[in-house]
């Protein structure tokens, strides 16, 4: 599921309600992805973690893309993604990945952060 900066889906569903509905429907795992970057998804997953009884996953994008001198740039650096990966691990998430704008350098930094 994707959430905006107001922590709502495009249908206006908040993270707590999403978990309740999905778990009542028998979901084996619940995740949030893409959106506006790791900062927003960290807030979303903190809420989900408080009410969820199932596996939780996250795949943030590298922030909202910006057009700079004709080139698409994602603002979340590998270090930023790695720092949020550490927060996601401490939160107890079961699967962590990356969405739009995530490069092999981001994934390596995220992996290295977990290993250390």
C-alpha atoms as a PDB file:
ATOM      1  CA  UNK A   1       0.000   0.000   0.000  1.00  0.00           C
ATOM      2  CA  UNK A   2       1.154   3.507  -0.724  1.00  0.00           C
ATOM      3  CA  UNK A   3       0.707   6.389   1.717  1.00  0.00           C
ATOM      4  CA  UNK A   4       1.048  10.132   1.219  1.00  0.00           C
ATOM      5  CA  UNK A   5       2.684  12.686   3.524  1.00  0.00           C
ATOM      6  CA  UNK A   6      -0.577  12.837   5.519  1.00  0.00           C
ATOM      7  CA  UNK A   7      -0.225   9.101   6.217  1.00  0.00           C
ATOM      8  CA  UNK A   8      -3.264   8.184   4.121  1.00  0.00           C
ATOM      9  CA  UNK A   9      -3.789   6.069   1.021  1.00  0.00           C
ATOM     10  CA  UNK A  10      -5.322   7.668  -2.063  1.00  0.00           C
ATOM     11  CA  UNK A  11      -8.655   6.432  -0.691  1.00  0.00           C
ATOM     12  CA  UNK A  12      -8.121   8.168   2.658  1.00  0.00           C
ATOM     13  CA  UNK A  13      -7.329   5.007   4.630  1.00  0.00           C
ATOM     14  CA  UNK A  14      -4.933   5.429   7.549  1.00  0.00           C
ATOM     15  CA  UNK A  15      -2.330   2.764   8.467  1.00  0.00           C
ATOM     16  CA  UNK A  16      -4.219   1.458  11.509  1.00  0.00           C
ATOM     17  CA  UNK A  17      -7.441   0.932   9.555  1.00  0.00           C
ATOM     18  CA  UNK A  18      -5.524  -0.701   6.705  1.00  0.00           C
ATOM     19  CA  UNK A  19      -4.012  -3.254   9.090  1.00  0.00           C
ATOM     20  CA  UNK A  20      -7.343  -4.013  10.745  1.00  0.00           C
ATOM     21  CA  UNK A  21      -9.136  -4.570   7.433  1.00  0.00           C
ATOM     22  CA  UNK A  22      -6.347  -6.578   5.816  1.00  0.00           C
ATOM     23  CA  UNK A  23      -5.840  -8.829   8.834  1.00  0.00           C
ATOM     24  CA  UNK A  24      -9.591  -9.411   9.104  1.00  0.00           C
ATOM     25  CA  UNK A  25      -9.492 -10.499   5.444  1.00  0.00           C
ATOM     26  CA  UNK A  26      -6.760 -13.035   6.248  1.00  0.00           C
ATOM     27  CA  UNK A  27      -3.600 -11.286   5.024  1.00  0.00           C
ATOM     28  CA  UNK A  28      -0.427 -13.232   5.833  1.00  0.00           C
ATOM     29  CA  UNK A  29       1.640 -10.056   5.559  1.00  0.00           C
ATOM     30  CA  UNK A  30       1.107  -6.340   5.094  1.00  0.00           C
ATOM     31  CA  UNK A  31       3.414  -3.850   3.484  1.00  0.00           C
ATOM     32  CA  UNK A  32       3.859  -0.257   2.469  1.00  0.00           C
ATOM     33  CA  UNK A  33       5.861   0.830  -0.540  1.00  0.00           C
ATOM     34  CA  UNK A  34       6.864   3.688  -2.809  1.00  0.00           C
ATOM     35  CA  UNK A  35       5.094   6.855  -1.648  1.00  0.00           C
ATOM     36  CA  UNK A  36       7.085   9.897  -0.663  1.00  0.00           C
ATOM     37  CA  UNK A  37      10.205   8.219   0.721  1.00  0.00           C
ATOM     38  CA  UNK A  38      11.521   6.417   3.782  1.00  0.00           C
ATOM     39  CA  UNK A  39      10.644   9.104   6.340  1.00  0.00           C
ATOM     40  CA  UNK A  40       6.905   8.888   5.685  1.00  0.00           C
ATOM     41  CA  UNK A  41       6.921   5.101   5.481  1.00  0.00           C
ATOM     42  CA  UNK A  42       8.753   4.898   8.807  1.00  0.00           C
ATOM     43  CA  UNK A  43       5.879   6.825  10.409  1.00  0.00           C
ATOM     44  CA  UNK A  44       3.359   4.555   8.666  1.00  0.00           C
ATOM     45  CA  UNK A  45       5.085   1.354   9.785  1.00  0.00           C
ATOM     46  CA  UNK A  46       5.393   2.572  13.385  1.00  0.00           C
ATOM     47  CA  UNK A  47       1.605   2.877  13.438  1.00  0.00           C
ATOM     48  CA  UNK A  48       1.100  -0.473  11.718  1.00  0.00           C
ATOM     49  CA  UNK A  49       3.479  -2.206  14.135  1.00  0.00           C
ATOM     50  CA  UNK A  50       1.367  -1.119  17.118  1.00  0.00           C
ATOM     51  CA  UNK A  51      -1.758  -2.887  15.829  1.00  0.00           C
ATOM     52  CA  UNK A  52      -0.512  -5.667  13.544  1.00  0.00           C
ATOM     53  CA  UNK A  53      -0.347  -9.348  14.410  1.00  0.00           C
ATOM     54  CA  UNK A  54       1.197 -10.396  11.081  1.00  0.00           C
ATOM     55  CA  UNK A  55       4.377  -9.930   9.061  1.00  0.00           C
ATOM     56  CA  UNK A  56       5.208  -6.357   8.057  1.00  0.00           C
ATOM     57  CA  UNK A  57       7.151  -5.242   4.999  1.00  0.00           C
ATOM     58  CA  UNK A  58       8.435  -1.943   3.635  1.00  0.00           C
ATOM     59  CA  UNK A  59       9.853  -0.855   0.279  1.00  0.00           C
ATOM     60  CA  UNK A  60      10.313   2.928   0.305  1.00  0.00           C
ATOM     61  CA  UNK A  61      11.290   4.803  -2.796  1.00  0.00           C
ATOM     62  CA  UNK A  62      14.284   7.112  -2.684  1.00  0.00           C
ATOM     63  CA  UNK A  63      12.048  10.147  -2.145  1.00  0.00           C
ATOM     64  CA  UNK A  64       9.917  12.141  -4.553  1.00  0.00           C
ATOM     65  CA  UNK A  65      11.714  12.538  -7.884  1.00  0.00           C
ATOM     66  CA  UNK A  66      12.785  15.996  -8.986  1.00  0.00           C
ATOM     67  CA  UNK A  67      13.768  17.191 -12.456  1.00  0.00           C
ATOM     68  CA  UNK A  68      17.174  18.886 -12.196  1.00  0.00           C
ATOM     69  CA  UNK A  69      18.820  20.146 -15.399  1.00  0.00           C
ATOM     70  CA  UNK A  70      16.802  17.696 -17.453  1.00  0.00           C
ATOM     71  CA  UNK A  71      17.684  14.722 -15.252  1.00  0.00           C
ATOM     72  CA  UNK A  72      15.417  12.894 -12.783  1.00  0.00           C
ATOM     73  CA  UNK A  73      16.964  12.953  -9.310  1.00  0.00           C
ATOM     74  CA  UNK A  74      15.733  11.094  -6.234  1.00  0.00           C
ATOM     75  CA  UNK A  75      16.662  13.002  -3.058  1.00  0.00           C
ATOM     76  CA  UNK A  76      17.228  10.095  -0.653  1.00  0.00           C
ATOM     77  CA  UNK A  77      20.895   9.130  -0.849  1.00  0.00           C
ATOM     78  CA  UNK A  78      22.157   5.616  -0.123  1.00  0.00           C
ATOM     79  CA  UNK A  79      23.115   6.848   3.374  1.00  0.00           C
ATOM     80  CA  UNK A  80      19.608   8.118   4.065  1.00  0.00           C
ATOM     81  CA  UNK A  81      18.101   4.829   2.895  1.00  0.00           C
ATOM     82  CA  UNK A  82      20.615   2.909   5.027  1.00  0.00           C
ATOM     83  CA  UNK A  83      19.812   4.998   8.100  1.00  0.00           C
ATOM     84  CA  UNK A  84      16.108   4.285   7.668  1.00  0.00           C
ATOM     85  CA  UNK A  85      16.853   0.609   7.079  1.00  0.00           C
ATOM     86  CA  UNK A  86      18.408   0.514  10.535  1.00  0.00           C
ATOM     87  CA  UNK A  87      15.245   2.105  11.957  1.00  0.00           C
ATOM     88  CA  UNK A  88      13.057  -0.417  10.114  1.00  0.00           C
ATOM     89  CA  UNK A  89      15.128  -3.292  11.529  1.00  0.00           C
ATOM     90  CA  UNK A  90      14.810  -1.895  15.066  1.00  0.00           C
ATOM     91  CA  UNK A  91      11.068  -1.628  14.485  1.00  0.00           C
ATOM     92  CA  UNK A  92      11.057  -5.377  13.827  1.00  0.00           C
ATOM     93  CA  UNK A  93       9.994  -5.439  10.188  1.00  0.00           C
ATOM     94  CA  UNK A  94      10.192  -8.768   8.392  1.00  0.00           C
ATOM     95  CA  UNK A  95      11.090  -7.615   4.869  1.00  0.00           C
ATOM     96  CA  UNK A  96      12.871  -4.442   3.785  1.00  0.00           C
ATOM     97  CA  UNK A  97      13.559  -3.383   0.207  1.00  0.00           C
ATOM     98  CA  UNK A  98      13.472  -0.384  -2.069  1.00  0.00           C
ATOM     99  CA  UNK A  99      11.174   0.984  -4.755  1.00  0.00           C
ATOM    100  CA  UNK A 100      11.502   3.777  -7.334  1.00  0.00           C
ATOM    101  CA  UNK A 101      14.863   5.520  -7.446  1.00  0.00           C
ATOM    102  CA  UNK A 102      16.557   2.803  -5.414  1.00  0.00           C
ATOM    103  CA  UNK A 103      19.833   1.816  -7.075  1.00  0.00           C
ATOM    104  CA  UNK A 104      22.319  -0.984  -6.406  1.00  0.00           C
ATOM    105  CA  UNK A 105      24.285   1.569  -4.341  1.00  0.00           C
ATOM    106  CA  UNK A 106      21.236   2.140  -2.133  1.00  0.00           C
ATOM    107  CA  UNK A 107      20.714  -1.602  -1.641  1.00  0.00           C
ATOM    108  CA  UNK A 108      24.397  -2.139  -0.820  1.00  0.00           C
ATOM    109  CA  UNK A 109      24.342   0.655   1.767  1.00  0.00           C
ATOM    110  CA  UNK A 110      21.151  -0.773   3.253  1.00  0.00           C
ATOM    111  CA  UNK A 111      22.639  -4.272   3.388  1.00  0.00           C
ATOM    112  CA  UNK A 112      25.901  -3.037   4.901  1.00  0.00           C
ATOM    113  CA  UNK A 113      23.964  -1.178   7.608  1.00  0.00           C
ATOM    114  CA  UNK A 114      22.156  -4.369   8.607  1.00  0.00           C
ATOM    115  CA  UNK A 115      25.363  -6.434   8.622  1.00  0.00           C
ATOM    116  CA  UNK A 116      27.056  -3.946  10.941  1.00  0.00           C
END
